[in-house]
Amino acid sequence: MSVTKIRINQTQIDFKDSVVAASTANIADPLAAAPDTLDGVTLAAQDRVLVKDNTTASANGIYRVITVGTGANGVWERVEDMFTGDVVERGMIVFTQAGGTLNALKGFQISSAGTAGAHTVGTDSINFTPLNDDNQGVTLAQHIYNEVMTGTIDSANTVFTTAATFATGKLRVYLNGVRQTLGDDYTVTDVDEITLTFAPKSAPGNPDILTCDYLT
């Protein structure tokens, strides 16, 4: 039986332009009562920022600073590529730039289910999950990112392996750029192996792509 490795096609993943900073707590009203700093970054007009921690999760998303204000009276608006009424998919990714205290140089991905993966901006709850949380102090040699898993892509095989063994609880699996859920979509069956279990399509077929991030 042949083994197929497929390179990731980035056109299948929705990457948004980077933001200067990401929130660390609820922002009462991003549109009319926005802060002048975010995660320790002093904001300027036209900066792109990520709101990801709001109690009302439908307010989460990417905004542009219109008026900085003083304290908490700034004016932001949703960006053109994630505007009110737009539809964004589970798996969308945005990265922060350098400078933040907690969120510098991190990636955040939409992890909420939405409706069949789709979210209407400003209406549906949108939850973001960090791509690289819990990795502080980890060297690049230990952090394997965006590895294509080894296994036959034939709409029948469900067992896939990583190139190295992964630490317990430190594996993330993505099907076509969408993060899969341990226990619902796959199970860990060895220190370098998973078995896909999600329904109705438990076995990926061409042109599906299965990738992973993990710590060794």
Protein backbone atom coordinates (compact mmCIF):
# COMPACT_ATOMS: atom_id res chain seq x y z
CA MET A 1 0.00 0.00 0.00
CA SER A 2 1.41 3.36 -0.97
CA VAL A 3 1.80 6.18 1.51
CA THR A 4 0.89 9.68 0.39
CA LYS A 5 2.20 12.94 1.78
CA ILE A 6 0.49 16.09 0.56
CA ARG A 7 1.85 19.61 0.88
CA ILE A 8 -0.58 22.06 2.41
CA ASN A 9 -2.38 24.35 -0.01
CA GLN A 10 -2.69 27.63 1.83
CA THR A 11 -5.57 28.77 -0.34
CA GLN A 12 -7.73 26.40 1.72
CA ILE A 13 -7.11 28.40 4.90
CA ASP A 14 -8.42 31.93 5.44
CA PHE A 15 -5.50 34.03 6.71
CA LYS A 16 -6.36 37.62 7.63
CA ASP A 17 -3.87 40.49 7.62
CA SER A 18 -2.00 40.72 10.91
CA VAL A 19 -3.07 42.88 13.86
CA VAL A 20 -0.87 45.07 16.05
CA ALA A 21 -2.34 43.61 19.25
CA ALA A 22 -5.03 41.32 20.63
CA SER A 23 -7.30 41.76 23.61
CA THR A 24 -6.67 40.09 26.95
CA ALA A 25 -10.06 40.80 28.59
CA ASN A 26 -13.60 41.92 27.81
CA ILE A 27 -13.99 45.29 26.05
CA ALA A 28 -17.36 46.74 26.99
CA ASP A 29 -18.00 48.51 23.68
CA PRO A 30 -15.32 48.26 20.97
CA LEU A 31 -17.27 50.58 18.67
CA ALA A 32 -17.64 53.53 21.04
CA ALA A 33 -15.74 52.92 24.28
CA ALA A 34 -12.50 51.34 23.15
CA PRO A 35 -9.22 51.54 25.11
CA ASP A 36 -6.18 53.50 23.93
CA THR A 37 -3.83 50.62 24.72
CA LEU A 38 -4.21 46.90 24.10
CA ASP A 39 -2.00 44.25 25.67
CA GLY A 40 0.52 46.96 26.50
CA VAL A 41 0.58 48.37 22.96
CA THR A 42 -0.17 52.08 22.55
CA LEU A 43 -2.63 52.28 19.69
CA ALA A 44 -2.67 54.67 16.74
CA ALA A 45 -5.35 55.51 14.20
CA GLN A 46 -5.75 52.85 11.49
CA ASP A 47 -4.20 50.08 13.62
CA ARG A 48 -5.82 46.67 13.20
CA VAL A 49 -6.65 44.94 16.49
CA LEU A 50 -8.18 41.61 17.46
CA VAL A 51 -11.02 41.44 19.97
CA LYS A 52 -11.20 37.83 21.16
CA ASP A 53 -12.21 37.85 24.83
CA ASN A 54 -15.59 39.55 24.89
CA THR A 55 -18.30 38.22 27.17
CA THR A 56 -20.70 38.73 24.28
CA ALA A 57 -18.78 36.62 21.78
CA SER A 58 -20.62 38.05 18.78
CA ALA A 59 -18.61 41.25 19.40
CA ASN A 60 -15.35 39.39 18.80
CA GLY A 61 -13.50 39.99 15.56
CA ILE A 62 -10.96 42.25 13.91
CA TYR A 63 -11.35 46.02 14.24
CA ARG A 64 -9.60 49.15 12.96
CA VAL A 65 -8.85 52.09 15.26
CA ILE A 66 -10.66 55.19 14.00
CA THR A 67 -10.24 57.52 16.99
CA VAL A 68 -7.75 56.66 19.72
CA GLY A 69 -9.41 58.70 22.46
CA THR A 70 -8.14 58.81 26.02
CA GLY A 71 -8.61 55.91 28.40
CA ALA A 72 -11.74 54.11 27.25
CA ASN A 73 -13.58 56.41 24.85
CA GLY A 74 -11.95 55.43 21.56
CA VAL A 75 -13.86 54.60 18.40
CA TRP A 76 -13.16 51.41 16.46
CA GLU A 77 -14.93 49.84 13.52
CA ARG A 78 -14.89 46.36 12.07
CA VAL A 79 -12.37 45.91 9.25
CA GLU A 80 -13.43 45.53 5.64
CA ASP A 81 -12.29 41.90 5.46
CA MET A 82 -14.30 40.92 8.56
CA PHE A 83 -17.15 43.42 8.48
CA THR A 84 -20.60 43.17 10.06
CA GLY A 85 -22.67 40.72 8.06
CA ASP A 86 -19.69 38.99 6.46
CA VAL A 87 -19.44 35.23 6.80
CA VAL A 88 -16.20 33.78 8.17
CA GLU A 89 -15.38 30.11 8.55
CA ARG A 90 -14.14 28.02 11.43
CA GLY A 91 -10.37 27.77 11.00
CA MET A 92 -9.78 31.40 10.01
CA ILE A 93 -6.37 32.54 11.30
CA VAL A 94 -4.94 35.93 12.24
CA PHE A 95 -1.49 36.68 13.66
CA THR A 96 -0.35 39.44 16.00
CA GLN A 97 2.74 41.54 15.43
CA ALA A 98 5.57 42.09 17.90
CA GLY A 99 5.06 44.32 20.90
CA GLY A 100 2.27 42.88 23.00
CA THR A 101 2.89 41.74 26.55
CA LEU A 102 0.94 38.47 26.40
CA ASN A 103 -0.04 38.01 22.77
CA ALA A 104 2.97 39.15 20.71
CA LEU A 105 3.76 37.02 17.65
CA LYS A 106 0.90 34.62 18.25
CA GLY A 107 -1.66 33.15 15.92
CA PHE A 108 -5.36 32.90 16.76
CA GLN A 109 -7.86 30.68 15.00
CA ILE A 110 -11.66 30.64 14.98
CA SER A 111 -12.52 27.47 16.90
CA SER A 112 -16.27 27.86 17.44
CA ALA A 113 -18.57 25.63 15.42
CA GLY A 114 -20.87 28.27 13.95
CA THR A 115 -23.44 26.85 11.54
CA ALA A 116 -21.69 24.09 9.61
CA GLY A 117 -18.50 26.05 10.29
CA ALA A 118 -19.85 29.41 9.11
CA HIS A 119 -20.20 32.50 11.32
CA THR A 120 -22.01 35.74 10.50
CA VAL A 121 -19.93 38.61 11.87
CA GLY A 122 -21.79 40.68 14.46
CA THR A 123 -24.54 38.07 14.87
CA ASP A 124 -22.96 34.73 15.71
CA SER A 125 -20.67 33.97 18.63
CA ILE A 126 -17.05 33.77 17.45
CA ASN A 127 -14.44 32.16 19.67
CA PHE A 128 -10.70 32.34 19.02
CA THR A 129 -8.16 29.77 20.19
CA PRO A 130 -4.42 30.49 20.24
CA LEU A 131 -2.35 28.37 17.90
CA ASN A 132 0.65 28.43 20.20
CA ASP A 133 -0.58 28.82 23.76
CA ASP A 134 1.11 26.94 26.63
CA ASN A 135 4.36 26.94 24.68
CA GLN A 136 6.22 29.65 26.58
CA GLY A 137 9.83 28.62 27.09
CA VAL A 138 9.66 25.97 24.37
CA THR A 139 12.44 25.98 21.80
CA LEU A 140 11.78 25.78 18.07
CA ALA A 141 13.39 22.34 18.04
CA GLN A 142 10.64 21.12 20.37
CA HIS A 143 7.73 22.78 18.59
CA ILE A 144 6.72 21.07 15.34
CA TYR A 145 4.40 23.30 13.32
CA ASN A 146 2.21 22.51 10.29
CA GLU A 147 3.55 19.01 9.71
CA VAL A 148 1.71 16.94 7.10
CA MET A 149 0.74 13.69 8.79
CA THR A 150 1.83 10.39 7.27
CA GLY A 151 -0.89 8.03 6.11
CA THR A 152 -2.78 6.90 3.05
CA ILE A 153 -5.34 9.39 1.72
CA ASP A 154 -7.83 7.01 0.12
CA SER A 155 -11.24 7.59 1.78
CA ALA A 156 -10.69 4.39 3.78
CA ASN A 157 -7.61 4.76 5.99
CA THR A 158 -8.16 6.40 9.38
CA VAL A 159 -4.74 5.92 10.99
CA PHE A 160 -2.12 8.67 10.65
CA THR A 161 1.23 9.22 12.31
CA THR A 162 3.61 12.04 13.14
CA ALA A 163 7.30 12.10 12.28
CA ALA A 164 8.27 12.22 15.97
CA THR A 165 6.62 11.30 19.24
CA PHE A 166 4.50 14.05 20.78
CA ALA A 167 4.14 15.03 24.41
CA THR A 168 0.91 14.05 26.16
CA GLY A 169 -1.79 16.67 25.54
CA LYS A 170 0.42 18.66 23.15
CA LEU A 171 -0.94 17.55 19.77
CA ARG A 172 -3.28 19.56 17.57
CA VAL A 173 -4.76 18.09 14.41
CA TYR A 174 -6.18 20.05 11.46
CA LEU A 175 -8.25 18.76 8.56
CA ASN A 176 -8.09 21.17 5.64
CA GLY A 177 -6.96 23.89 8.05
CA VAL A 178 -9.79 23.35 10.54
CA ARG A 179 -8.73 22.24 14.01
CA GLN A 180 -10.18 18.87 15.03
CA THR A 181 -11.42 18.02 18.52
CA LEU A 182 -9.79 15.26 20.55
CA GLY A 183 -12.39 12.67 21.50
CA ASP A 184 -14.94 13.82 18.95
CA ASP A 185 -12.91 13.88 15.73
CA TYR A 186 -9.94 11.69 16.58
CA THR A 187 -8.36 9.58 19.31
CA VAL A 188 -4.69 9.25 20.26
CA THR A 189 -3.72 5.60 19.86
CA ASP A 190 0.05 5.80 20.37
CA VAL A 191 2.82 8.30 21.12
CA ASP A 192 3.03 9.13 17.40
CA GLU A 193 -0.33 7.96 16.08
CA ILE A 194 -3.98 9.03 15.88
CA THR A 195 -7.14 7.41 14.60
CA LEU A 196 -9.81 9.58 13.01
CA THR A 197 -13.30 8.98 14.38
CA PHE A 198 -15.43 11.92 13.24
CA ALA A 199 -18.68 11.36 11.38
CA PRO A 200 -19.92 11.14 8.73
CA LYS A 201 -16.54 11.21 6.98
CA SER A 202 -14.07 9.31 9.14
CA ALA A 203 -11.55 8.71 6.38
CA PRO A 204 -10.09 11.63 4.41
CA GLY A 205 -9.84 11.35 0.66
CA ASN A 206 -8.20 13.36 -2.08
CA PRO A 207 -7.83 16.39 -1.93
CA ASP A 208 -8.13 16.42 1.90
CA ILE A 209 -5.08 17.54 3.86
CA LEU A 210 -4.30 16.41 7.40
CA THR A 211 -1.73 18.49 9.30
CA CYS A 212 -0.68 18.84 12.91
CA ASP A 213 1.22 20.93 15.45
CA TYR A 214 2.84 19.29 18.46
CA LEU A 215 5.52 19.45 21.11
CA THR A 216 8.09 16.69 21.31
